[in-house]
């Protein structure tokens, strides 16, 4: 396993099917990517939780963990809660470097997806 991993972090749902669909999407992304160290985790309401995945990766010798908040907008979880959790994990795993990536709000393709959807429904 390489020394770096990406955790795609979704909120989590009480709907089991939704959680499974997310984990399957992350697994497929890992299979299609040259980077095989891509893992799914949930902020709340579902497993595996963020802390569980981080602990597993740290035990396996990962030195840098990138966290991609799979959230549409920068709400309270993205702006406050996730950074606080990552700060605490950094204290627990001082030899590991953590980096929080931007949410989907900052993804240029999101606008293209909305435009494409609008075209397909013939507004």
PDB file of N, CA and C in Angstrom:
ATOM      1  N   UNK A   1       0.858  -1.191   0.000  1.00  0.00           N
ATOM      2  CA  UNK A   1       0.000   0.000   0.000  1.00  0.00           C
ATOM      3  C   UNK A   1       0.894   1.240   0.000  1.00  0.00           C
ATOM      4  N   UNK A   2       0.575   2.200  -0.859  1.00  0.00           N
ATOM      5  CA  UNK A   2       1.379   3.417  -0.916  1.00  0.00           C
ATOM      6  C   UNK A   2       1.175   4.231   0.346  1.00  0.00           C
ATOM      7  N   UNK A   3       1.992   5.244   0.511  1.00  0.00           N
ATOM      8  CA  UNK A   3       1.990   6.019   1.741  1.00  0.00           C
ATOM      9  C   UNK A   3       0.924   7.106   1.769  1.00  0.00           C
ATOM     10  N   UNK A   4       0.066   7.145   0.754  1.00  0.00           N
ATOM     11  CA  UNK A   4      -0.972   8.179   0.684  1.00  0.00           C
ATOM     12  C   UNK A   4      -2.315   7.536   0.355  1.00  0.00           C
ATOM     13  N   UNK A   5      -3.385   8.097   0.929  1.00  0.00           N
ATOM     14  CA  UNK A   5      -4.734   7.574   0.655  1.00  0.00           C
ATOM     15  C   UNK A   5      -5.719   8.735   0.570  1.00  0.00           C
ATOM     16  N   UNK A   6      -6.792   8.488  -0.176  1.00  0.00           N
ATOM     17  CA  UNK A   6      -7.885   9.447  -0.311  1.00  0.00           C
ATOM     18  C   UNK A   6      -9.126   8.845   0.337  1.00  0.00           C
ATOM     19  N   UNK A   7      -9.733   9.615   1.237  1.00  0.00           N
ATOM     20  CA  UNK A   7     -11.011   9.222   1.819  1.00  0.00           C
ATOM     21  C   UNK A   7     -12.076  10.131   1.231  1.00  0.00           C
ATOM     22  N   UNK A   8     -13.056   9.532   0.571  1.00  0.00           N
ATOM     23  CA  UNK A   8     -14.201  10.270   0.065  1.00  0.00           C
ATOM     24  C   UNK A   8     -15.237  10.217   1.180  1.00  0.00           C
ATOM     25  N   UNK A   9     -15.554  11.378   1.737  1.00  0.00           N
ATOM     26  CA  UNK A   9     -16.388  11.459   2.935  1.00  0.00           C
ATOM     27  C   UNK A   9     -17.785  11.971   2.612  1.00  0.00           C
ATOM     28  N   UNK A  10     -18.774  11.090   2.733  1.00  0.00           N
ATOM     29  CA  UNK A  10     -20.177  11.477   2.549  1.00  0.00           C
ATOM     30  C   UNK A  10     -20.804  11.704   3.917  1.00  0.00           C
ATOM     31  N   UNK A  11     -21.967  12.338   3.918  1.00  0.00           N
ATOM     32  CA  UNK A  11     -22.644  12.574   5.186  1.00  0.00           C
ATOM     33  C   UNK A  11     -23.074  11.278   5.829  1.00  0.00           C
ATOM     34  N   UNK A  12     -23.733  10.423   5.075  1.00  0.00           N
ATOM     35  CA  UNK A  12     -24.325   9.211   5.628  1.00  0.00           C
ATOM     36  C   UNK A  12     -25.827   9.392   5.721  1.00  0.00           C
ATOM     37  N   UNK A  13     -26.542   8.289   5.647  1.00  0.00           N
ATOM     38  CA  UNK A  13     -27.995   8.340   5.612  1.00  0.00           C
ATOM     39  C   UNK A  13     -28.576   7.213   6.449  1.00  0.00           C
ATOM     40  N   UNK A  14     -29.804   7.403   6.868  1.00  0.00           N
ATOM     41  CA  UNK A  14     -30.512   6.306   7.523  1.00  0.00           C
ATOM     42  C   UNK A  14     -30.987   5.282   6.495  1.00  0.00           C
ATOM     43  N   UNK A  15     -30.883   5.651   5.220  1.00  0.00           N
ATOM     44  CA  UNK A  15     -31.275   4.780   4.121  1.00  0.00           C
ATOM     45  C   UNK A  15     -30.075   3.907   3.730  1.00  0.00           C
ATOM     46  N   UNK A  16     -30.162   2.640   4.067  1.00  0.00           N
ATOM     47  CA  UNK A  16     -29.063   1.700   3.809  1.00  0.00           C
ATOM     48  C   UNK A  16     -28.685   1.675   2.330  1.00  0.00           C
ATOM     49  N   UNK A  17     -29.685   1.670   1.441  1.00  0.00           N
ATOM     50  CA  UNK A  17     -29.432   1.627   0.007  1.00  0.00           C
ATOM     51  C   UNK A  17     -28.590   2.814  -0.449  1.00  0.00           C
ATOM     52  N   UNK A  18     -28.890   3.993   0.072  1.00  0.00           N
ATOM     53  CA  UNK A  18     -28.122   5.183  -0.301  1.00  0.00           C
ATOM     54  C   UNK A  18     -26.658   5.051   0.132  1.00  0.00           C
ATOM     55  N   UNK A  19     -26.439   4.544   1.328  1.00  0.00           N
ATOM     56  CA  UNK A  19     -25.070   4.359   1.812  1.00  0.00           C
ATOM     57  C   UNK A  19     -24.326   3.341   0.956  1.00  0.00           C
ATOM     58  N   UNK A  20     -25.006   2.254   0.597  1.00  0.00           N
ATOM     59  CA  UNK A  20     -24.389   1.229  -0.239  1.00  0.00           C
ATOM     60  C   UNK A  20     -24.051   1.774  -1.621  1.00  0.00           C
ATOM     61  N   UNK A  21     -24.952   2.583  -2.177  1.00  0.00           N
ATOM     62  CA  UNK A  21     -24.700   3.172  -3.501  1.00  0.00           C
ATOM     63  C   UNK A  21     -23.452   4.053  -3.468  1.00  0.00           C
ATOM     64  N   UNK A  22     -23.292   4.814  -2.396  1.00  0.00           N
ATOM     65  CA  UNK A  22     -22.106   5.661  -2.252  1.00  0.00           C
ATOM     66  C   UNK A  22     -20.842   4.812  -2.192  1.00  0.00           C
ATOM     67  N   UNK A  23     -20.846   3.783  -1.349  1.00  0.00           N
ATOM     68  CA  UNK A  23     -19.660   2.935  -1.211  1.00  0.00           C
ATOM     69  C   UNK A  23     -19.326   2.221  -2.517  1.00  0.00           C
ATOM     70  N   UNK A  24     -20.346   1.798  -3.256  1.00  0.00           N
ATOM     71  CA  UNK A  24     -20.114   1.169  -4.555  1.00  0.00           C
ATOM     72  C   UNK A  24     -19.518   2.160  -5.546  1.00  0.00           C
ATOM     73  N   UNK A  25     -19.995   3.401  -5.533  1.00  0.00           N
ATOM     74  CA  UNK A  25     -19.446   4.433  -6.413  1.00  0.00           C
ATOM     75  C   UNK A  25     -17.969   4.673  -6.101  1.00  0.00           C
ATOM     76  N   UNK A  26     -17.630   4.750  -4.818  1.00  0.00           N
ATOM     77  CA  UNK A  26     -16.233   4.976  -4.431  1.00  0.00           C
ATOM     78  C   UNK A  26     -15.371   3.790  -4.866  1.00  0.00           C
ATOM     79  N   UNK A  27     -15.883   2.587  -4.676  1.00  0.00           N
ATOM     80  CA  UNK A  27     -15.134   1.399  -5.093  1.00  0.00           C
ATOM     81  C   UNK A  27     -14.890   1.419  -6.601  1.00  0.00           C
ATOM     82  N   UNK A  28     -15.906   1.765  -7.388  1.00  0.00           N
ATOM     83  CA  UNK A  28     -15.746   1.839  -8.841  1.00  0.00           C
ATOM     84  C   UNK A  28     -14.749   2.930  -9.231  1.00  0.00           C
ATOM     85  N   UNK A  29     -14.788   4.048  -8.521  1.00  0.00           N
ATOM     86  CA  UNK A  29     -13.830   5.120  -8.797  1.00  0.00           C
ATOM     87  C   UNK A  29     -12.408   4.635  -8.554  1.00  0.00           C
ATOM     88  N   UNK A  30     -12.229   3.873  -7.495  1.00  0.00           N
ATOM     89  CA  UNK A  30     -10.905   3.318  -7.211  1.00  0.00           C
ATOM     90  C   UNK A  30     -10.455   2.340  -8.283  1.00  0.00           C
ATOM     91  N   UNK A  31     -11.379   1.558  -8.810  1.00  0.00           N
ATOM     92  CA  UNK A  31     -11.044   0.589  -9.853  1.00  0.00           C
ATOM     93  C   UNK A  31     -10.684   1.282 -11.161  1.00  0.00           C
ATOM     94  N   UNK A  32     -11.335   2.414 -11.448  1.00  0.00           N
ATOM     95  CA  UNK A  32     -11.082   3.135 -12.694  1.00  0.00           C
ATOM     96  C   UNK A  32      -9.865   4.052 -12.605  1.00  0.00           C
ATOM     97  N   UNK A  33      -9.449   4.335 -11.400  1.00  0.00           N
ATOM     98  CA  UNK A  33      -8.332   5.243 -11.181  1.00  0.00           C
ATOM     99  C   UNK A  33      -7.023   4.458 -11.110  1.00  0.00           C
ATOM    100  N   UNK A  34      -5.947   5.104 -11.473  1.00  0.00           N
ATOM    101  CA  UNK A  34      -4.633   4.494 -11.281  1.00  0.00           C
ATOM    102  C   UNK A  34      -4.280   4.477  -9.802  1.00  0.00           C
ATOM    103  N   UNK A  35      -4.861   5.365  -9.036  1.00  0.00           N
ATOM    104  CA  UNK A  35      -4.629   5.441  -7.597  1.00  0.00           C
ATOM    105  C   UNK A  35      -5.608   4.501  -6.900  1.00  0.00           C
ATOM    106  N   UNK A  36      -5.107   3.429  -6.339  1.00  0.00           N
ATOM    107  CA  UNK A  36      -5.973   2.404  -5.745  1.00  0.00           C
ATOM    108  C   UNK A  36      -6.319   2.680  -4.282  1.00  0.00           C
ATOM    109  N   UNK A  37      -5.698   3.637  -3.678  1.00  0.00           N
ATOM    110  CA  UNK A  37      -5.941   3.922  -2.260  1.00  0.00           C
ATOM    111  C   UNK A  37      -7.059   4.941  -2.081  1.00  0.00           C
ATOM    112  N   UNK A  38      -8.251   4.574  -2.538  1.00  0.00           N
ATOM    113  CA  UNK A  38      -9.430   5.427  -2.407  1.00  0.00           C
ATOM    114  C   UNK A  38     -10.443   4.672  -1.554  1.00  0.00           C
ATOM    115  N   UNK A  39     -10.911   5.330  -0.491  1.00  0.00           N
ATOM    116  CA  UNK A  39     -11.801   4.691   0.468  1.00  0.00           C
ATOM    117  C   UNK A  39     -13.010   5.565   0.741  1.00  0.00           C
ATOM    118  N   UNK A  40     -14.145   4.961   0.980  1.00  0.00           N
ATOM    119  CA  UNK A  40     -15.345   5.685   1.357  1.00  0.00           C
ATOM    120  C   UNK A  40     -15.513   5.675   2.860  1.00  0.00           C
ATOM    121  N   UNK A  41     -16.078   6.765   3.388  1.00  0.00           N
ATOM    122  CA  UNK A  41     -16.377   6.867   4.818  1.00  0.00           C
ATOM    123  C   UNK A  41     -17.561   7.804   4.983  1.00  0.00           C
ATOM    124  N   UNK A  42     -18.159   7.749   6.170  1.00  0.00           N
ATOM    125  CA  UNK A  42     -19.317   8.578   6.453  1.00  0.00           C
ATOM    126  C   UNK A  42     -19.048   9.493   7.646  1.00  0.00           C
ATOM    127  N   UNK A  43     -19.593  10.688   7.554  1.00  0.00           N
ATOM    128  CA  UNK A  43     -19.506  11.658   8.640  1.00  0.00           C
ATOM    129  C   UNK A  43     -20.366  11.208   9.822  1.00  0.00           C
ATOM    130  N   UNK A  44     -21.580  10.730   9.530  1.00  0.00           N
ATOM    131  CA  UNK A  44     -22.478  10.251  10.582  1.00  0.00           C
ATOM    132  C   UNK A  44     -23.521   9.318   9.977  1.00  0.00           C
ATOM    133  N   UNK A  45     -24.282   8.688  10.821  1.00  0.00           N
ATOM    134  CA  UNK A  45     -25.445   7.861  10.461  1.00  0.00           C
ATOM    135  C   UNK A  45     -25.125   6.546   9.767  1.00  0.00           C
ATOM    136  N   UNK A  46     -23.882   6.266   9.419  1.00  0.00           N
ATOM    137  CA  UNK A  46     -23.559   5.034   8.707  1.00  0.00           C
ATOM    138  C   UNK A  46     -22.111   4.634   8.972  1.00  0.00           C
ATOM    139  N   UNK A  47     -21.826   3.403   8.645  1.00  0.00           N
ATOM    140  CA  UNK A  47     -20.473   2.862   8.782  1.00  0.00           C
ATOM    141  C   UNK A  47     -19.937   2.484   7.413  1.00  0.00           C
ATOM    142  N   UNK A  48     -18.650   2.620   7.210  1.00  0.00           N
ATOM    143  CA  UNK A  48     -17.634   2.952   8.195  1.00  0.00           C
ATOM    144  C   UNK A  48     -17.554   4.464   8.447  1.00  0.00           C
ATOM    145  N   UNK A  49     -17.318   4.831   9.671  1.00  0.00           N
ATOM    146  CA  UNK A  49     -17.145   6.224  10.026  1.00  0.00           C
ATOM    147  C   UNK A  49     -15.753   6.719   9.665  1.00  0.00           C
ATOM    148  N   UNK A  50     -15.621   8.018   9.595  1.00  0.00           N
ATOM    149  CA  UNK A  50     -14.341   8.633   9.230  1.00  0.00           C
ATOM    150  C   UNK A  50     -13.212   8.163  10.136  1.00  0.00           C
ATOM    151  N   UNK A  51     -13.442   8.211  11.439  1.00  0.00           N
ATOM    152  CA  UNK A  51     -12.385   7.832  12.385  1.00  0.00           C
ATOM    153  C   UNK A  51     -11.978   6.367  12.216  1.00  0.00           C
ATOM    154  N   UNK A  52     -12.944   5.495  11.918  1.00  0.00           N
ATOM    155  CA  UNK A  52     -12.627   4.078  11.724  1.00  0.00           C
ATOM    156  C   UNK A  52     -11.718   3.869  10.520  1.00  0.00           C
ATOM    157  N   UNK A  53     -12.012   4.558   9.436  1.00  0.00           N
ATOM    158  CA  UNK A  53     -11.191   4.416   8.232  1.00  0.00           C
ATOM    159  C   UNK A  53      -9.802   5.001   8.469  1.00  0.00           C
ATOM    160  N   UNK A  54      -9.731   6.146   9.141  1.00  0.00           N
ATOM    161  CA  UNK A  54      -8.430   6.753   9.440  1.00  0.00           C
ATOM    162  C   UNK A  54      -7.597   5.813  10.304  1.00  0.00           C
ATOM    163  N   UNK A  55      -8.177   5.233  11.334  1.00  0.00           N
ATOM    164  CA  UNK A  55      -7.433   4.305  12.193  1.00  0.00           C
ATOM    165  C   UNK A  55      -6.884   3.124  11.395  1.00  0.00           C
ATOM    166  N   UNK A  56      -7.714   2.558  10.520  1.00  0.00           N
ATOM    167  CA  UNK A  56      -7.285   1.428   9.688  1.00  0.00           C
ATOM    168  C   UNK A  56      -6.105   1.835   8.807  1.00  0.00           C
ATOM    169  N   UNK A  57      -6.216   2.988   8.164  1.00  0.00           N
ATOM    170  CA  UNK A  57      -5.148   3.438   7.273  1.00  0.00           C
ATOM    171  C   UNK A  57      -3.856   3.715   8.042  1.00  0.00           C
ATOM    172  N   UNK A  58      -3.979   4.297   9.218  1.00  0.00           N
ATOM    173  CA  UNK A  58      -2.788   4.589  10.026  1.00  0.00           C
ATOM    174  C   UNK A  58      -2.102   3.291  10.452  1.00  0.00           C
ATOM    175  N   UNK A  59      -2.878   2.280  10.813  1.00  0.00           N
ATOM    176  CA  UNK A  59      -2.304   0.977  11.181  1.00  0.00           C
ATOM    177  C   UNK A  59      -1.569   0.349   9.994  1.00  0.00           C
ATOM    178  N   UNK A  60      -2.027   0.651   8.788  1.00  0.00           N
ATOM    179  CA  UNK A  60      -1.414   0.092   7.579  1.00  0.00           C
ATOM    180  C   UNK A  60      -0.215   0.905   7.094  1.00  0.00           C
ATOM    181  N   UNK A  61       0.133   1.965   7.801  1.00  0.00           N
ATOM    182  CA  UNK A  61       1.335   2.722   7.473  1.00  0.00           C
ATOM    183  C   UNK A  61       1.144   3.910   6.552  1.00  0.00           C
ATOM    184  N   UNK A  62      -0.094   4.313   6.336  1.00  0.00           N
ATOM    185  CA  UNK A  62      -0.334   5.500   5.504  1.00  0.00           C
ATOM    186  C   UNK A  62       0.260   6.723   6.212  1.00  0.00           C
ATOM    187  N   UNK A  63       0.936   7.558   5.446  1.00  0.00           N
ATOM    188  CA  UNK A  63       1.587   8.736   6.002  1.00  0.00           C
ATOM    189  C   UNK A  63       0.841  10.031   5.712  1.00  0.00           C
ATOM    190  N   UNK A  64       0.027  10.027   4.651  1.00  0.00           N
ATOM    191  CA  UNK A  64      -0.748  11.221   4.297  1.00  0.00           C
ATOM    192  C   UNK A  64      -2.156  10.796   3.919  1.00  0.00           C
ATOM    193  N   UNK A  65      -3.146  11.483   4.501  1.00  0.00           N
ATOM    194  CA  UNK A  65      -4.547  11.194   4.216  1.00  0.00           C
ATOM    195  C   UNK A  65      -5.211  12.452   3.684  1.00  0.00           C
ATOM    196  N   UNK A  66      -5.751  12.336   2.466  1.00  0.00           N
ATOM    197  CA  UNK A  66      -6.520  13.412   1.857  1.00  0.00           C
ATOM    198  C   UNK A  66      -7.995  13.099   2.102  1.00  0.00           C
ATOM    199  N   UNK A  67      -8.737  14.086   2.532  1.00  0.00           N
ATOM    200  CA  UNK A  67     -10.162  13.896   2.789  1.00  0.00           C
ATOM    201  C   UNK A  67     -10.948  14.779   1.832  1.00  0.00           C
ATOM    202  N   UNK A  68     -11.777  14.123   1.008  1.00  0.00           N
ATOM    203  CA  UNK A  68     -12.612  14.809   0.026  1.00  0.00           C
ATOM    204  C   UNK A  68     -14.042  14.832   0.553  1.00  0.00           C
ATOM    205  N   UNK A  69     -14.505  15.993   1.040  1.00  0.00           N
ATOM    206  CA  UNK A  69     -15.893  16.100   1.503  1.00  0.00           C
ATOM    207  C   UNK A  69     -16.853  16.001   0.311  1.00  0.00           C
ATOM    208  N   UNK A  70     -17.544  14.894   0.235  1.00  0.00           N
ATOM    209  CA  UNK A  70     -18.482  14.638  -0.858  1.00  0.00           C
ATOM    210  C   UNK A  70     -19.815  15.290  -0.491  1.00  0.00           C
ATOM    211  N   UNK A  71     -19.771  16.614  -0.382  1.00  0.00           N
ATOM    212  CA  UNK A  71     -20.912  17.435   0.007  1.00  0.00           C
ATOM    213  C   UNK A  71     -21.126  18.455  -1.108  1.00  0.00           C
ATOM    214  N   UNK A  72     -22.391  18.750  -1.416  1.00  0.00           N
ATOM    215  CA  UNK A  72     -22.672  19.700  -2.490  1.00  0.00           C
ATOM    216  C   UNK A  72     -22.269  21.124  -2.134  1.00  0.00           C
ATOM    217  N   UNK A  73     -22.429  21.506  -0.878  1.00  0.00           N
ATOM    218  CA  UNK A  73     -22.168  22.887  -0.474  1.00  0.00           C
ATOM    219  C   UNK A  73     -21.339  22.939   0.809  1.00  0.00           C
ATOM    220  N   UNK A  74     -20.696  24.069   1.022  1.00  0.00           N
ATOM    221  CA  UNK A  74     -19.876  24.266   2.213  1.00  0.00           C
ATOM    222  C   UNK A  74     -20.731  24.724   3.388  1.00  0.00           C
ATOM    223  N   UNK A  75     -21.502  23.823   3.936  1.00  0.00           N
ATOM    224  CA  UNK A  75     -22.301  24.120   5.123  1.00  0.00           C
ATOM    225  C   UNK A  75     -21.469  23.940   6.374  1.00  0.00           C
ATOM    226  N   UNK A  76     -22.133  23.827   7.498  1.00  0.00           N
ATOM    227  CA  UNK A  76     -21.461  23.727   8.798  1.00  0.00           C
ATOM    228  C   UNK A  76     -20.538  22.520   8.902  1.00  0.00           C
ATOM    229  N   UNK A  77     -20.947  21.394   8.358  1.00  0.00           N
ATOM    230  CA  UNK A  77     -20.075  20.213   8.446  1.00  0.00           C
ATOM    231  C   UNK A  77     -18.763  20.458   7.720  1.00  0.00           C
ATOM    232  N   UNK A  78     -18.834  21.023   6.523  1.00  0.00           N
ATOM    233  CA  UNK A  78     -17.625  21.252   5.737  1.00  0.00           C
ATOM    234  C   UNK A  78     -16.771  22.366   6.348  1.00  0.00           C
ATOM    235  N   UNK A  79     -17.406  23.422   6.798  1.00  0.00           N
ATOM    236  CA  UNK A  79     -16.642  24.574   7.300  1.00  0.00           C
ATOM    237  C   UNK A  79     -16.131  24.394   8.727  1.00  0.00           C
ATOM    238  N   UNK A  80     -16.881  23.665   9.568  1.00  0.00           N
ATOM    239  CA  UNK A  80     -16.488  23.582  10.977  1.00  0.00           C
ATOM    240  C   UNK A  80     -16.272  22.156  11.478  1.00  0.00           C
ATOM    241  N   UNK A  81     -17.260  21.303  11.274  1.00  0.00           N
ATOM    242  CA  UNK A  81     -17.244  19.991  11.920  1.00  0.00           C
ATOM    243  C   UNK A  81     -16.148  19.069  11.385  1.00  0.00           C
ATOM    244  N   UNK A  82     -16.016  18.990  10.082  1.00  0.00           N
ATOM    245  CA  UNK A  82     -14.982  18.126   9.509  1.00  0.00           C
ATOM    246  C   UNK A  82     -13.581  18.624   9.866  1.00  0.00           C
ATOM    247  N   UNK A  83     -13.284  19.922   9.710  1.00  0.00           N
ATOM    248  CA  UNK A  83     -11.955  20.381  10.133  1.00  0.00           C
ATOM    249  C   UNK A  83     -11.654  20.106  11.611  1.00  0.00           C
ATOM    250  N   UNK A  84     -12.668  20.208  12.465  1.00  0.00           N
ATOM    251  CA  UNK A  84     -12.432  19.925  13.888  1.00  0.00           C
ATOM    252  C   UNK A  84     -12.118  18.440  14.092  1.00  0.00           C
ATOM    253  N   UNK A  85     -12.842  17.575  13.442  1.00  0.00           N
ATOM    254  CA  UNK A  85     -12.553  16.139  13.561  1.00  0.00           C
ATOM    255  C   UNK A  85     -11.157  15.824  13.032  1.00  0.00           C
ATOM    256  N   UNK A  86     -10.800  16.428  11.930  1.00  0.00           N
ATOM    257  CA  UNK A  86      -9.481  16.182  11.349  1.00  0.00           C
ATOM    258  C   UNK A  86      -8.393  16.714  12.287  1.00  0.00           C
ATOM    259  N   UNK A  87      -8.628  17.847  12.908  1.00  0.00           N
ATOM    260  CA  UNK A  87      -7.659  18.388  13.867  1.00  0.00           C
ATOM    261  C   UNK A  87      -7.433  17.395  15.005  1.00  0.00           C
ATOM    262  N   UNK A  88      -8.521  16.844  15.545  1.00  0.00           N
ATOM    263  CA  UNK A  88      -8.416  15.880  16.639  1.00  0.00           C
ATOM    264  C   UNK A  88      -7.704  14.597  16.193  1.00  0.00           C
ATOM    265  N   UNK A  89      -7.991  14.153  14.986  1.00  0.00           N
ATOM    266  CA  UNK A  89      -7.308  12.963  14.480  1.00  0.00           C
ATOM    267  C   UNK A  89      -5.813  13.237  14.300  1.00  0.00           C
ATOM    268  N   UNK A  90      -5.487  14.462  13.902  1.00  0.00           N
ATOM    269  CA  UNK A  90      -4.086  14.840  13.782  1.00  0.00           C
ATOM    270  C   UNK A  90      -3.364  14.773  15.113  1.00  0.00           C
ATOM    271  N   UNK A  91      -4.071  15.095  16.185  1.00  0.00           N
ATOM    272  CA  UNK A  91      -3.475  14.972  17.518  1.00  0.00           C
ATOM    273  C   UNK A  91      -3.264  13.508  17.893  1.00  0.00           C
ATOM    274  N   UNK A  92      -4.204  12.655  17.495  1.00  0.00           N
ATOM    275  CA  UNK A  92      -4.103  11.222  17.806  1.00  0.00           C
ATOM    276  C   UNK A  92      -3.091  10.495  16.933  1.00  0.00           C
ATOM    277  N   UNK A  93      -2.856  11.013  15.734  1.00  0.00           N
ATOM    278  CA  UNK A  93      -1.925  10.395  14.793  1.00  0.00           C
ATOM    279  C   UNK A  93      -0.938  11.449  14.300  1.00  0.00           C
ATOM    280  N   UNK A  94      -0.025  11.883  15.173  1.00  0.00           N
ATOM    281  CA  UNK A  94       0.868  13.001  14.820  1.00  0.00           C
ATOM    282  C   UNK A  94       1.834  12.703  13.677  1.00  0.00           C
ATOM    283  N   UNK A  95       2.058  11.455  13.357  1.00  0.00           N
ATOM    284  CA  UNK A  95       2.972  11.114  12.263  1.00  0.00           C
ATOM    285  C   UNK A  95       2.288  11.117  10.903  1.00  0.00           C
ATOM    286  N   UNK A  96       0.978  11.340  10.920  1.00  0.00           N
ATOM    287  CA  UNK A  96       0.208  11.332   9.681  1.00  0.00           C
ATOM    288  C   UNK A  96      -0.151  12.765   9.299  1.00  0.00           C
ATOM    289  N   UNK A  97       0.005  13.085   8.036  1.00  0.00           N
ATOM    290  CA  UNK A  97      -0.370  14.392   7.508  1.00  0.00           C
ATOM    291  C   UNK A  97      -1.798  14.298   6.965  1.00  0.00           C
ATOM    292  N   UNK A  98      -2.639  15.263   7.333  1.00  0.00           N
ATOM    293  CA  UNK A  98      -4.025  15.307   6.869  1.00  0.00           C
ATOM    294  C   UNK A  98      -4.238  16.551   6.020  1.00  0.00           C
ATOM    295  N   UNK A  99      -5.004  16.385   4.954  1.00  0.00           N
ATOM    296  CA  UNK A  99      -5.379  17.520   4.118  1.00  0.00           C
ATOM    297  C   UNK A  99      -6.846  17.379   3.731  1.00  0.00           C
ATOM    298  N   UNK A 100      -7.607  18.451   3.908  1.00  0.00           N
ATOM    299  CA  UNK A 100      -9.011  18.463   3.521  1.00  0.00           C
ATOM    300  C   UNK A 100      -9.118  19.136   2.155  1.00  0.00           C
ATOM    301  N   UNK A 101      -9.678  18.421   1.200  1.00  0.00           N
ATOM    302  CA  UNK A 101      -9.871  18.971  -0.140  1.00  0.00           C
ATOM    303  C   UNK A 101     -11.164  19.778  -0.183  1.00  0.00           C
ATOM    304  N   UNK A 102     -11.392  20.489  -1.258  1.00  0.00           N
ATOM    305  CA  UNK A 102     -12.613  21.279  -1.380  1.00  0.00           C
ATOM    306  C   UNK A 102     -13.805  20.374  -1.677  1.00  0.00           C
ATOM    307  N   UNK A 103     -14.972  20.840  -1.307  1.00  0.00           N
ATOM    308  CA  UNK A 103     -16.211  20.108  -1.544  1.00  0.00           C
ATOM    309  C   UNK A 103     -16.622  20.224  -3.008  1.00  0.00           C
ATOM    310  N   UNK A 104     -17.726  19.582  -3.341  1.00  0.00           N
ATOM    311  CA  UNK A 104     -18.238  19.654  -4.712  1.00  0.00           C
ATOM    312  C   UNK A 104     -18.686  21.060  -5.101  1.00  0.00           C
ATOM    313  N   UNK A 105     -18.947  21.915  -4.119  1.00  0.00           N
ATOM    314  CA  UNK A 105     -19.349  23.296  -4.415  1.00  0.00           C
ATOM    315  C   UNK A 105     -18.324  23.980  -5.315  1.00  0.00           C
ATOM    316  N   UNK A 106     -17.074  23.598  -5.201  1.00  0.00           N
ATOM    317  CA  UNK A 106     -15.998  24.259  -5.934  1.00  0.00           C
ATOM    318  C   UNK A 106     -15.593  23.505  -7.195  1.00  0.00           C
ATOM    319  N   UNK A 107     -16.348  22.472  -7.539  1.00  0.00           N
ATOM    320  CA  UNK A 107     -16.051  21.669  -8.722  1.00  0.00           C
ATOM    321  C   UNK A 107     -16.659  22.328  -9.961  1.00  0.00           C
ATOM    322  N   UNK A 108     -15.827  22.747 -10.918  1.00  0.00           N
ATOM    323  CA  UNK A 108     -16.348  23.408 -12.119  1.00  0.00           C
ATOM    324  C   UNK A 108     -17.338  22.555 -12.913  1.00  0.00           C
ATOM    325  N   UNK A 109     -17.205  21.256 -12.861  1.00  0.00           N
ATOM    326  CA  UNK A 109     -18.113  20.395 -13.624  1.00  0.00           C
ATOM    327  C   UNK A 109     -19.536  20.407 -13.084  1.00  0.00           C
ATOM    328  N   UNK A 110     -19.750  20.842 -11.862  1.00  0.00           N
ATOM    329  CA  UNK A 110     -21.106  20.852 -11.298  1.00  0.00           C
ATOM    330  C   UNK A 110     -22.032  21.728 -12.130  1.00  0.00           C
ATOM    331  N   UNK A 111     -21.547  22.887 -12.567  1.00  0.00           N
ATOM    332  CA  UNK A 111     -22.369  23.766 -13.405  1.00  0.00           C
ATOM    333  C   UNK A 111     -22.713  23.071 -14.714  1.00  0.00           C
ATOM    334  N   UNK A 112     -21.746  22.380 -15.281  1.00  0.00           N
ATOM    335  CA  UNK A 112     -21.985  21.652 -16.533  1.00  0.00           C
ATOM    336  C   UNK A 112     -23.045  20.573 -16.363  1.00  0.00           C
ATOM    337  N   UNK A 113     -23.051  19.919 -15.223  1.00  0.00           N
ATOM    338  CA  UNK A 113     -24.051  18.883 -14.953  1.00  0.00           C
ATOM    339  C   UNK A 113     -25.442  19.500 -14.910  1.00  0.00           C
ATOM    340  N   UNK A 114     -25.575  20.649 -14.259  1.00  0.00           N
ATOM    341  CA  UNK A 114     -26.878  21.328 -14.180  1.00  0.00           C
ATOM    342  C   UNK A 114     -27.328  21.763 -15.573  1.00  0.00           C
ATOM    343  N   UNK A 115     -26.418  22.321 -16.345  1.00  0.00           N
ATOM    344  CA  UNK A 115     -26.756  22.755 -17.705  1.00  0.00           C
ATOM    345  C   UNK A 115     -27.169  21.560 -18.548  1.00  0.00           C
ATOM    346  N   UNK A 116     -26.432  20.468 -18.447  1.00  0.00           N
ATOM    347  CA  UNK A 116     -26.764  19.260 -19.202  1.00  0.00           C
ATOM    348  C   UNK A 116     -28.140  18.727 -18.812  1.00  0.00           C
ATOM    349  N   UNK A 117     -28.421  18.704 -17.542  1.00  0.00           N
ATOM    350  CA  UNK A 117     -29.727  18.218 -17.083  1.00  0.00           C
ATOM    351  C   UNK A 117     -30.838  19.112 -17.603  1.00  0.00           C
ATOM    352  N   UNK A 118     -30.624  20.419 -17.582  1.00  0.00           N
ATOM    353  CA  UNK A 118     -31.634  21.357 -18.090  1.00  0.00           C
ATOM    354  C   UNK A 118     -31.896  21.120 -19.578  1.00  0.00           C
ATOM    355  N   UNK A 119     -30.842  20.873 -20.320  1.00  0.00           N
ATOM    356  CA  UNK A 119     -31.012  20.606 -21.758  1.00  0.00           C
ATOM    357  C   UNK A 119     -31.786  19.319 -21.995  1.00  0.00           C
ATOM    358  N   UNK A 120     -31.530  18.307 -21.194  1.00  0.00           N
ATOM    359  CA  UNK A 120     -32.182  17.009 -21.394  1.00  0.00           C
ATOM    360  C   UNK A 120     -33.677  17.043 -21.054  1.00  0.00           C
ATOM    361  N   UNK A 121     -34.088  17.958 -20.184  1.00  0.00           N
ATOM    362  CA  UNK A 121     -35.512  18.033 -19.847  1.00  0.00           C
ATOM    363  C   UNK A 121     -36.221  19.080 -20.686  1.00  0.00           C
ATOM    364  N   UNK A 122     -35.526  19.717 -21.602  1.00  0.00           N
ATOM    365  CA  UNK A 122     -36.093  20.686 -22.537  1.00  0.00           C
ATOM    366  C   UNK A 122     -36.845  21.805 -21.835  1.00  0.00           C
ATOM    367  N   UNK A 123     -36.143  22.548 -21.027  1.00  0.00           N
ATOM    368  CA  UNK A 123     -36.780  23.691 -20.344  1.00  0.00           C
ATOM    369  C   UNK A 123     -37.145  24.782 -21.336  1.00  0.00           C
TER     370      UNK A 123
END
